[in-house]
Amino acid sequence: MDTGKVKSMKCTKHSSSYWLAKKENDDLQRIYGVSFPSEKEMKEWTKIQEEIARRDHRKIGMDQKLFEFNEVAAGSPFFFPNGTILYNKL
């Protein structure tokens, strides 16, 4: 693998934890990122990611008060009356 082809890179997220999940152990860092052969390609990717976030159906549904999510059942939406009507029509 040749890192010389990487001309642009972006860190997308990071997280930390303790080695073997024990507080007395060393802190570990995980870094997620993407790289591109040109700055132009990174800008195009960033623009696409912003558009994807803007069109996220989970955010739109909550903004329109069709449903909400709750930690009781994290993957399941709790429908409001208008959301239930729309879901049943579909």
PDB file of N, CA and C in Angstrom:
ATOM      1  N   MET A   1       0.847  -1.170   0.000  1.00  0.00           N
ATOM      2  CA  MET A   1       0.000   0.000   0.000  1.00  0.00           C
ATOM      3  C   MET A   1       0.893   1.233   0.000  1.00  0.00           C
ATOM      4  N   ASP A   2       0.532   2.224  -0.793  1.00  0.00           N
ATOM      5  CA  ASP A   2       1.338   3.432  -0.935  1.00  0.00           C
ATOM      6  C   ASP A   2       0.552   4.638  -0.451  1.00  0.00           C
ATOM      7  N   THR A   3       0.974   5.229   0.657  1.00  0.00           N
ATOM      8  CA  THR A   3       0.270   6.403   1.194  1.00  0.00           C
ATOM      9  C   THR A   3       0.605   7.671   0.421  1.00  0.00           C
ATOM     10  N   GLY A   4       1.519   7.581  -0.503  1.00  0.00           N
ATOM     11  CA  GLY A   4       1.873   8.738  -1.321  1.00  0.00           C
ATOM     12  C   GLY A   4       0.735   9.194  -2.221  1.00  0.00           C
ATOM     13  N   LYS A   5      -0.236   8.324  -2.462  1.00  0.00           N
ATOM     14  CA  LYS A   5      -1.378   8.682  -3.309  1.00  0.00           C
ATOM     15  C   LYS A   5      -2.452   9.434  -2.547  1.00  0.00           C
ATOM     16  N   VAL A   6      -2.344   9.469  -1.223  1.00  0.00           N
ATOM     17  CA  VAL A   6      -3.327  10.177  -0.401  1.00  0.00           C
ATOM     18  C   VAL A   6      -2.973  11.663  -0.414  1.00  0.00           C
ATOM     19  N   LYS A   7      -3.851  12.463  -0.987  1.00  0.00           N
ATOM     20  CA  LYS A   7      -3.628  13.906  -1.054  1.00  0.00           C
ATOM     21  C   LYS A   7      -4.562  14.674  -0.125  1.00  0.00           C
ATOM     22  N   SER A   8      -5.653  14.021   0.282  1.00  0.00           N
ATOM     23  CA  SER A   8      -6.622  14.685   1.140  1.00  0.00           C
ATOM     24  C   SER A   8      -7.267  13.632   2.037  1.00  0.00           C
ATOM     25  N   MET A   9      -7.439  13.978   3.310  1.00  0.00           N
ATOM     26  CA  MET A   9      -8.086  13.040   4.219  1.00  0.00           C
ATOM     27  C   MET A   9      -8.928  13.795   5.222  1.00  0.00           C
ATOM     28  N   LYS A  10      -9.916  13.079   5.791  1.00  0.00           N
ATOM     29  CA  LYS A  10     -10.843  13.697   6.728  1.00  0.00           C
ATOM     30  C   LYS A  10     -11.167  12.701   7.828  1.00  0.00           C
ATOM     31  N   CYS A  11     -11.128  13.166   9.069  1.00  0.00           N
ATOM     32  CA  CYS A  11     -11.535  12.353  10.210  1.00  0.00           C
ATOM     33  C   CYS A  11     -13.059  12.444  10.305  1.00  0.00           C
ATOM     34  N   THR A  12     -13.742  11.302  10.285  1.00  0.00           N
ATOM     35  CA  THR A  12     -15.203  11.314  10.308  1.00  0.00           C
ATOM     36  C   THR A  12     -15.768  11.173  11.714  1.00  0.00           C
ATOM     37  N   LYS A  13     -15.098  10.404  12.588  1.00  0.00           N
ATOM     38  CA  LYS A  13     -15.521  10.301  13.984  1.00  0.00           C
ATOM     39  C   LYS A  13     -14.411   9.634  14.782  1.00  0.00           C
ATOM     40  N   HIS A  14     -14.554   9.676  16.090  1.00  0.00           N
ATOM     41  CA  HIS A  14     -13.577   9.038  16.964  1.00  0.00           C
ATOM     42  C   HIS A  14     -14.276   8.545  18.219  1.00  0.00           C
ATOM     43  N   SER A  15     -13.648   7.623  18.897  1.00  0.00           N
ATOM     44  CA  SER A  15     -14.195   7.092  20.145  1.00  0.00           C
ATOM     45  C   SER A  15     -13.038   6.629  21.017  1.00  0.00           C
ATOM     46  N   SER A  16     -13.329   6.455  22.286  1.00  0.00           N
ATOM     47  CA  SER A  16     -12.300   5.964  23.190  1.00  0.00           C
ATOM     48  C   SER A  16     -12.891   4.908  24.113  1.00  0.00           C
ATOM     49  N   SER A  17     -12.018   4.069  24.619  1.00  0.00           N
ATOM     50  CA  SER A  17     -12.414   3.045  25.585  1.00  0.00           C
ATOM     51  C   SER A  17     -11.174   2.637  26.365  1.00  0.00           C
ATOM     52  N   TYR A  18     -11.387   1.851  27.386  1.00  0.00           N
ATOM     53  CA  TYR A  18     -10.273   1.332  28.164  1.00  0.00           C
ATOM     54  C   TYR A  18      -9.928  -0.066  27.677  1.00  0.00           C
ATOM     55  N   TRP A  19      -8.626  -0.390  27.728  1.00  0.00           N
ATOM     56  CA  TRP A  19      -8.171  -1.714  27.342  1.00  0.00           C
ATOM     57  C   TRP A  19      -8.876  -2.751  28.207  1.00  0.00           C
ATOM     58  N   LEU A  20      -9.490  -3.722  27.584  1.00  0.00           N
ATOM     59  CA  LEU A  20     -10.244  -4.791  28.236  1.00  0.00           C
ATOM     60  C   LEU A  20     -11.382  -4.259  29.110  1.00  0.00           C
ATOM     61  N   ALA A  21     -11.860  -3.059  28.814  1.00  0.00           N
ATOM     62  CA  ALA A  21     -12.993  -2.423  29.488  1.00  0.00           C
ATOM     63  C   ALA A  21     -12.767  -2.235  30.990  1.00  0.00           C
ATOM     64  N   LYS A  22     -11.515  -2.053  31.383  1.00  0.00           N
ATOM     65  CA  LYS A  22     -11.191  -1.832  32.801  1.00  0.00           C
ATOM     66  C   LYS A  22     -10.594  -0.440  32.960  1.00  0.00           C
ATOM     67  N   LYS A  23     -11.177   0.335  33.842  1.00  0.00           N
ATOM     68  CA  LYS A  23     -10.797   1.731  34.022  1.00  0.00           C
ATOM     69  C   LYS A  23      -9.323   1.912  34.385  1.00  0.00           C
ATOM     70  N   GLU A  24      -8.743   0.949  35.085  1.00  0.00           N
ATOM     71  CA  GLU A  24      -7.341   1.092  35.491  1.00  0.00           C
ATOM     72  C   GLU A  24      -6.364   0.849  34.334  1.00  0.00           C
ATOM     73  N   ASN A  25      -6.851   0.325  33.210  1.00  0.00           N
ATOM     74  CA  ASN A  25      -5.997   0.078  32.041  1.00  0.00           C
ATOM     75  C   ASN A  25      -5.850   1.331  31.184  1.00  0.00           C
ATOM     76  N   ASP A  26      -4.970   1.249  30.209  1.00  0.00           N
ATOM     77  CA  ASP A  26      -4.712   2.375  29.307  1.00  0.00           C
ATOM     78  C   ASP A  26      -5.944   2.740  28.488  1.00  0.00           C
ATOM     79  N   ASP A  27      -6.027   4.009  28.156  1.00  0.00           N
ATOM     80  CA  ASP A  27      -7.100   4.534  27.316  1.00  0.00           C
ATOM     81  C   ASP A  27      -6.743   4.288  25.855  1.00  0.00           C
ATOM     82  N   LEU A  28      -7.682   3.769  25.084  1.00  0.00           N
ATOM     83  CA  LEU A  28      -7.473   3.495  23.662  1.00  0.00           C
ATOM     84  C   LEU A  28      -8.303   4.466  22.834  1.00  0.00           C
ATOM     85  N   GLN A  29      -7.788   4.858  21.698  1.00  0.00           N
ATOM     86  CA  GLN A  29      -8.496   5.754  20.792  1.00  0.00           C
ATOM     87  C   GLN A  29      -8.739   5.047  19.469  1.00  0.00           C
ATOM     88  N   ARG A  30      -9.952   5.182  18.946  1.00  0.00           N
ATOM     89  CA  ARG A  30     -10.274   4.667  17.618  1.00  0.00           C
ATOM     90  C   ARG A  30     -10.648   5.865  16.758  1.00  0.00           C
ATOM     91  N   ILE A  31     -10.023   5.965  15.604  1.00  0.00           N
ATOM     92  CA  ILE A  31     -10.262   7.090  14.702  1.00  0.00           C
ATOM     93  C   ILE A  31     -10.779   6.532  13.377  1.00  0.00           C
ATOM     94  N   TYR A  32     -11.890   7.077  12.913  1.00  0.00           N
ATOM     95  CA  TYR A  32     -12.465   6.695  11.628  1.00  0.00           C
ATOM     96  C   TYR A  32     -12.224   7.836  10.646  1.00  0.00           C
ATOM     97  N   GLY A  33     -11.903   7.491   9.430  1.00  0.00           N
ATOM     98  CA  GLY A  33     -11.669   8.533   8.446  1.00  0.00           C
ATOM     99  C   GLY A  33     -11.719   7.992   7.035  1.00  0.00           C
ATOM    100  N   VAL A  34     -11.619   8.914   6.099  1.00  0.00           N
ATOM    101  CA  VAL A  34     -11.594   8.582   4.676  1.00  0.00           C
ATOM    102  C   VAL A  34     -10.460   9.368   4.032  1.00  0.00           C
ATOM    103  N   SER A  35      -9.947   8.845   2.942  1.00  0.00           N
ATOM    104  CA  SER A  35      -8.898   9.551   2.217  1.00  0.00           C
ATOM    105  C   SER A  35      -9.243   9.585   0.734  1.00  0.00           C
ATOM    106  N   PHE A  36      -8.685  10.570   0.059  1.00  0.00           N
ATOM    107  CA  PHE A  36      -8.984  10.788  -1.354  1.00  0.00           C
ATOM    108  C   PHE A  36      -7.711  11.145  -2.102  1.00  0.00           C
ATOM    109  N   PRO A  37      -7.662  10.826  -3.389  1.00  0.00           N
ATOM    110  CA  PRO A  37      -6.476  11.176  -4.170  1.00  0.00           C
ATOM    111  C   PRO A  37      -6.422  12.658  -4.551  1.00  0.00           C
ATOM    112  N   SER A  38      -7.519  13.414  -4.283  1.00  0.00           N
ATOM    113  CA  SER A  38      -7.494  14.850  -4.586  1.00  0.00           C
ATOM    114  C   SER A  38      -8.436  15.606  -3.653  1.00  0.00           C
ATOM    115  N   GLU A  39      -8.164  16.879  -3.461  1.00  0.00           N
ATOM    116  CA  GLU A  39      -9.000  17.747  -2.626  1.00  0.00           C
ATOM    117  C   GLU A  39     -10.403  17.880  -3.234  1.00  0.00           C
ATOM    118  N   LYS A  40     -10.479  17.913  -4.553  1.00  0.00           N
ATOM    119  CA  LYS A  40     -11.773  18.048  -5.241  1.00  0.00           C
ATOM    120  C   LYS A  40     -12.696  16.872  -4.924  1.00  0.00           C
ATOM    121  N   GLU A  41     -12.157  15.668  -4.934  1.00  0.00           N
ATOM    122  CA  GLU A  41     -12.968  14.484  -4.627  1.00  0.00           C
ATOM    123  C   GLU A  41     -13.450  14.494  -3.182  1.00  0.00           C
ATOM    124  N   MET A  42     -12.613  15.005  -2.260  1.00  0.00           N
ATOM    125  CA  MET A  42     -13.044  15.087  -0.869  1.00  0.00           C
ATOM    126  C   MET A  42     -14.186  16.091  -0.730  1.00  0.00           C
ATOM    127  N   LYS A  43     -14.110  17.219  -1.413  1.00  0.00           N
ATOM    128  CA  LYS A  43     -15.185  18.218  -1.343  1.00  0.00           C
ATOM    129  C   LYS A  43     -16.483  17.657  -1.915  1.00  0.00           C
ATOM    130  N   GLU A  44     -16.402  16.908  -3.008  1.00  0.00           N
ATOM    131  CA  GLU A  44     -17.596  16.277  -3.591  1.00  0.00           C
ATOM    132  C   GLU A  44     -18.209  15.282  -2.605  1.00  0.00           C
ATOM    133  N   TRP A  45     -17.375  14.454  -1.967  1.00  0.00           N
ATOM    134  CA  TRP A  45     -17.849  13.482  -0.989  1.00  0.00           C
ATOM    135  C   TRP A  45     -18.509  14.177   0.195  1.00  0.00           C
ATOM    136  N   THR A  46     -17.888  15.246   0.678  1.00  0.00           N
ATOM    137  CA  THR A  46     -18.440  16.004   1.806  1.00  0.00           C
ATOM    138  C   THR A  46     -19.803  16.578   1.449  1.00  0.00           C
ATOM    139  N   LYS A  47     -19.944  17.100   0.246  1.00  0.00           N
ATOM    140  CA  LYS A  47     -21.221  17.654  -0.208  1.00  0.00           C
ATOM    141  C   LYS A  47     -22.301  16.563  -0.263  1.00  0.00           C
ATOM    142  N   ILE A  48     -21.950  15.392  -0.751  1.00  0.00           N
ATOM    143  CA  ILE A  48     -22.890  14.277  -0.820  1.00  0.00           C
ATOM    144  C   ILE A  48     -23.304  13.846   0.587  1.00  0.00           C
ATOM    145  N   GLN A  49     -22.353  13.775   1.528  1.00  0.00           N
ATOM    146  CA  GLN A  49     -22.667  13.382   2.904  1.00  0.00           C
ATOM    147  C   GLN A  49     -23.603  14.386   3.571  1.00  0.00           C
ATOM    148  N   GLU A  50     -23.415  15.674   3.302  1.00  0.00           N
ATOM    149  CA  GLU A  50     -24.314  16.703   3.850  1.00  0.00           C
ATOM    150  C   GLU A  50     -25.726  16.539   3.298  1.00  0.00           C
ATOM    151  N   GLU A  51     -25.837  16.213   2.017  1.00  0.00           N
ATOM    152  CA  GLU A  51     -27.151  16.005   1.393  1.00  0.00           C
ATOM    153  C   GLU A  51     -27.828  14.761   1.971  1.00  0.00           C
ATOM    154  N   ILE A  52     -27.060  13.720   2.201  1.00  0.00           N
ATOM    155  CA  ILE A  52     -27.605  12.495   2.802  1.00  0.00           C
ATOM    156  C   ILE A  52     -28.152  12.802   4.194  1.00  0.00           C
ATOM    157  N   ALA A  53     -27.404  13.565   4.990  1.00  0.00           N
ATOM    158  CA  ALA A  53     -27.859  13.918   6.340  1.00  0.00           C
ATOM    159  C   ALA A  53     -29.125  14.772   6.289  1.00  0.00           C
ATOM    160  N   ARG A  54     -29.204  15.665   5.309  1.00  0.00           N
ATOM    161  CA  ARG A  54     -30.372  16.535   5.174  1.00  0.00           C
ATOM    162  C   ARG A  54     -31.626  15.740   4.822  1.00  0.00           C
ATOM    163  N   ARG A  55     -31.474  14.657   4.072  1.00  0.00           N
ATOM    164  CA  ARG A  55     -32.610  13.848   3.626  1.00  0.00           C
ATOM    165  C   ARG A  55     -32.893  12.637   4.516  1.00  0.00           C
ATOM    166  N   ASP A  56     -32.274  12.564   5.674  1.00  0.00           N
ATOM    167  CA  ASP A  56     -32.428  11.404   6.566  1.00  0.00           C
ATOM    168  C   ASP A  56     -33.888  11.249   6.983  1.00  0.00           C
ATOM    169  N   HIS A  57     -34.488  10.126   6.649  1.00  0.00           N
ATOM    170  CA  HIS A  57     -35.913   9.904   6.918  1.00  0.00           C
ATOM    171  C   HIS A  57     -36.219   9.902   8.413  1.00  0.00           C
ATOM    172  N   ARG A  58     -35.256   9.515   9.231  1.00  0.00           N
ATOM    173  CA  ARG A  58     -35.490   9.516  10.684  1.00  0.00           C
ATOM    174  C   ARG A  58     -35.647  10.943  11.201  1.00  0.00           C
ATOM    175  N   LYS A  59     -34.816  11.849  10.706  1.00  0.00           N
ATOM    176  CA  LYS A  59     -34.896  13.244  11.138  1.00  0.00           C
ATOM    177  C   LYS A  59     -36.167  13.902  10.585  1.00  0.00           C
ATOM    178  N   ILE A  60     -36.466  13.661   9.320  1.00  0.00           N
ATOM    179  CA  ILE A  60     -37.651  14.260   8.693  1.00  0.00           C
ATOM    180  C   ILE A  60     -38.921  13.796   9.404  1.00  0.00           C
ATOM    181  N   GLY A  61     -39.029  12.501   9.705  1.00  0.00           N
ATOM    182  CA  GLY A  61     -40.203  11.969  10.392  1.00  0.00           C
ATOM    183  C   GLY A  61     -40.402  12.569  11.768  1.00  0.00           C
ATOM    184  N   MET A  62     -39.301  12.787  12.488  1.00  0.00           N
ATOM    185  CA  MET A  62     -39.417  13.402  13.821  1.00  0.00           C
ATOM    186  C   MET A  62     -39.748  14.887  13.708  1.00  0.00           C
ATOM    187  N   ASP A  63     -39.173  15.575  12.704  1.00  0.00           N
ATOM    188  CA  ASP A  63     -39.482  16.995  12.491  1.00  0.00           C
ATOM    189  C   ASP A  63     -40.949  17.197  12.153  1.00  0.00           C
ATOM    190  N   GLN A  64     -41.524  16.254  11.406  1.00  0.00           N
ATOM    191  CA  GLN A  64     -42.931  16.350  11.016  1.00  0.00           C
ATOM    192  C   GLN A  64     -43.864  15.738  12.069  1.00  0.00           C
ATOM    193  N   LYS A  65     -43.291  15.317  13.187  1.00  0.00           N
ATOM    194  CA  LYS A  65     -44.047  14.745  14.302  1.00  0.00           C
ATOM    195  C   LYS A  65     -44.874  13.527  13.864  1.00  0.00           C
ATOM    196  N   LEU A  66     -44.238  12.660  13.053  1.00  0.00           N
ATOM    197  CA  LEU A  66     -44.876  11.412  12.636  1.00  0.00           C
ATOM    198  C   LEU A  66     -44.522  10.273  13.588  1.00  0.00           C
ATOM    199  N   PHE A  67     -43.315  10.316  14.152  1.00  0.00           N
ATOM    200  CA  PHE A  67     -42.871   9.288  15.090  1.00  0.00           C
ATOM    201  C   PHE A  67     -41.717   9.827  15.913  1.00  0.00           C
ATOM    202  N   GLU A  68     -41.346   9.056  16.926  1.00  0.00           N
ATOM    203  CA  GLU A  68     -40.159   9.363  17.728  1.00  0.00           C
ATOM    204  C   GLU A  68     -39.482   8.057  18.103  1.00  0.00           C
ATOM    205  N   PHE A  69     -38.235   8.154  18.503  1.00  0.00           N
ATOM    206  CA  PHE A  69     -37.488   6.987  18.971  1.00  0.00           C
ATOM    207  C   PHE A  69     -37.291   7.114  20.467  1.00  0.00           C
ATOM    208  N   ASN A  70     -37.206   5.978  21.138  1.00  0.00           N
ATOM    209  CA  ASN A  70     -37.040   5.960  22.576  1.00  0.00           C
ATOM    210  C   ASN A  70     -36.017   4.889  22.923  1.00  0.00           C
ATOM    211  N   GLU A  71     -35.247   5.109  23.989  1.00  0.00           N
ATOM    212  CA  GLU A  71     -34.230   4.129  24.365  1.00  0.00           C
ATOM    213  C   GLU A  71     -34.818   2.803  24.840  1.00  0.00           C
ATOM    214  N   VAL A  72     -36.118   2.779  25.127  1.00  0.00           N
ATOM    215  CA  VAL A  72     -36.777   1.530  25.531  1.00  0.00           C
ATOM    216  C   VAL A  72     -36.662   0.499  24.401  1.00  0.00           C
ATOM    217  N   ALA A  73     -36.873   0.942  23.175  1.00  0.00           N
ATOM    218  CA  ALA A  73     -36.728   0.093  21.990  1.00  0.00           C
ATOM    219  C   ALA A  73     -36.038   0.939  20.927  1.00  0.00           C
ATOM    220  N   ALA A  74     -34.723   1.019  21.027  1.00  0.00           N
ATOM    221  CA  ALA A  74     -33.943   1.971  20.226  1.00  0.00           C
ATOM    222  C   ALA A  74     -34.157   1.859  18.717  1.00  0.00           C
ATOM    223  N   GLY A  75     -34.397   0.685  18.199  1.00  0.00           N
ATOM    224  CA  GLY A  75     -34.550   0.521  16.762  1.00  0.00           C
ATOM    225  C   GLY A  75     -35.973   0.625  16.251  1.00  0.00           C
ATOM    226  N   SER A  76     -36.927   0.814  17.130  1.00  0.00           N
ATOM    227  CA  SER A  76     -38.333   0.834  16.736  1.00  0.00           C
ATOM    228  C   SER A  76     -38.931   2.224  16.922  1.00  0.00           C
ATOM    229  N   PRO A  77     -39.585   2.735  15.891  1.00  0.00           N
ATOM    230  CA  PRO A  77     -40.238   4.039  16.059  1.00  0.00           C
ATOM    231  C   PRO A  77     -41.559   3.899  16.818  1.00  0.00           C
ATOM    232  N   PHE A  78     -41.883   4.907  17.602  1.00  0.00           N
ATOM    233  CA  PHE A  78     -43.186   5.001  18.263  1.00  0.00           C
ATOM    234  C   PHE A  78     -43.988   6.017  17.458  1.00  0.00           C
ATOM    235  N   PHE A  79     -45.032   5.537  16.769  1.00  0.00           N
ATOM    236  CA  PHE A  79     -45.790   6.390  15.863  1.00  0.00           C
ATOM    237  C   PHE A  79     -46.777   7.280  16.606  1.00  0.00           C
ATOM    238  N   PHE A  80     -46.867   8.527  16.150  1.00  0.00           N
ATOM    239  CA  PHE A  80     -47.914   9.447  16.594  1.00  0.00           C
ATOM    240  C   PHE A  80     -49.125   9.203  15.697  1.00  0.00           C
ATOM    241  N   PRO A  81     -50.291   9.781  16.012  1.00  0.00           N
ATOM    242  CA  PRO A  81     -51.498   9.506  15.212  1.00  0.00           C
ATOM    243  C   PRO A  81     -51.325   9.728  13.703  1.00  0.00           C
ATOM    244  N   ASN A  82     -50.755  10.856  13.296  1.00  0.00           N
ATOM    245  CA  ASN A  82     -50.580  11.091  11.847  1.00  0.00           C
ATOM    246  C   ASN A  82     -49.583  10.107  11.223  1.00  0.00           C
ATOM    247  N   GLY A  83     -48.566   9.723  11.979  1.00  0.00           N
ATOM    248  CA  GLY A  83     -47.617   8.738  11.497  1.00  0.00           C
ATOM    249  C   GLY A  83     -48.263   7.377  11.319  1.00  0.00           C
ATOM    250  N   THR A  84     -49.165   7.020  12.212  1.00  0.00           N
ATOM    251  CA  THR A  84     -49.875   5.743  12.122  1.00  0.00           C
ATOM    252  C   THR A  84     -50.771   5.725  10.882  1.00  0.00           C
ATOM    253  N   ILE A  85     -51.455   6.828  10.644  1.00  0.00           N
ATOM    254  CA  ILE A  85     -52.334   6.919   9.457  1.00  0.00           C
ATOM    255  C   ILE A  85     -51.499   6.749   8.191  1.00  0.00           C
ATOM    256  N   LEU A  86     -50.386   7.461   8.101  1.00  0.00           N
ATOM    257  CA  LEU A  86     -49.518   7.368   6.929  1.00  0.00           C
ATOM    258  C   LEU A  86     -48.945   5.964   6.772  1.00  0.00           C
ATOM    259  N   TYR A  87     -48.493   5.366   7.860  1.00  0.00           N
ATOM    260  CA  TYR A  87     -47.948   4.010   7.828  1.00  0.00           C
ATOM    261  C   TYR A  87     -49.008   3.020   7.328  1.00  0.00           C
ATOM    262  N   ASN A  88     -50.232   3.112   7.831  1.00  0.00           N
ATOM    263  CA  ASN A  88     -51.292   2.197   7.418  1.00  0.00           C
ATOM    264  C   ASN A  88     -51.688   2.391   5.959  1.00  0.00           C
ATOM    265  N   LYS A  89     -51.632   3.627   5.462  1.00  0.00           N
ATOM    266  CA  LYS A  89     -51.922   3.880   4.043  1.00  0.00           C
ATOM    267  C   LYS A  89     -50.878   3.260   3.138  1.00  0.00           C
ATOM    268  N   LEU A  90     -49.644   3.314   3.592  1.00  0.00           N
ATOM    269  CA  LEU A  90     -48.556   2.742   2.790  1.00  0.00           C
ATOM    270  C   LEU A  90     -48.652   1.228   2.790  1.00  0.00           C
TER     271      LEU A  90
END
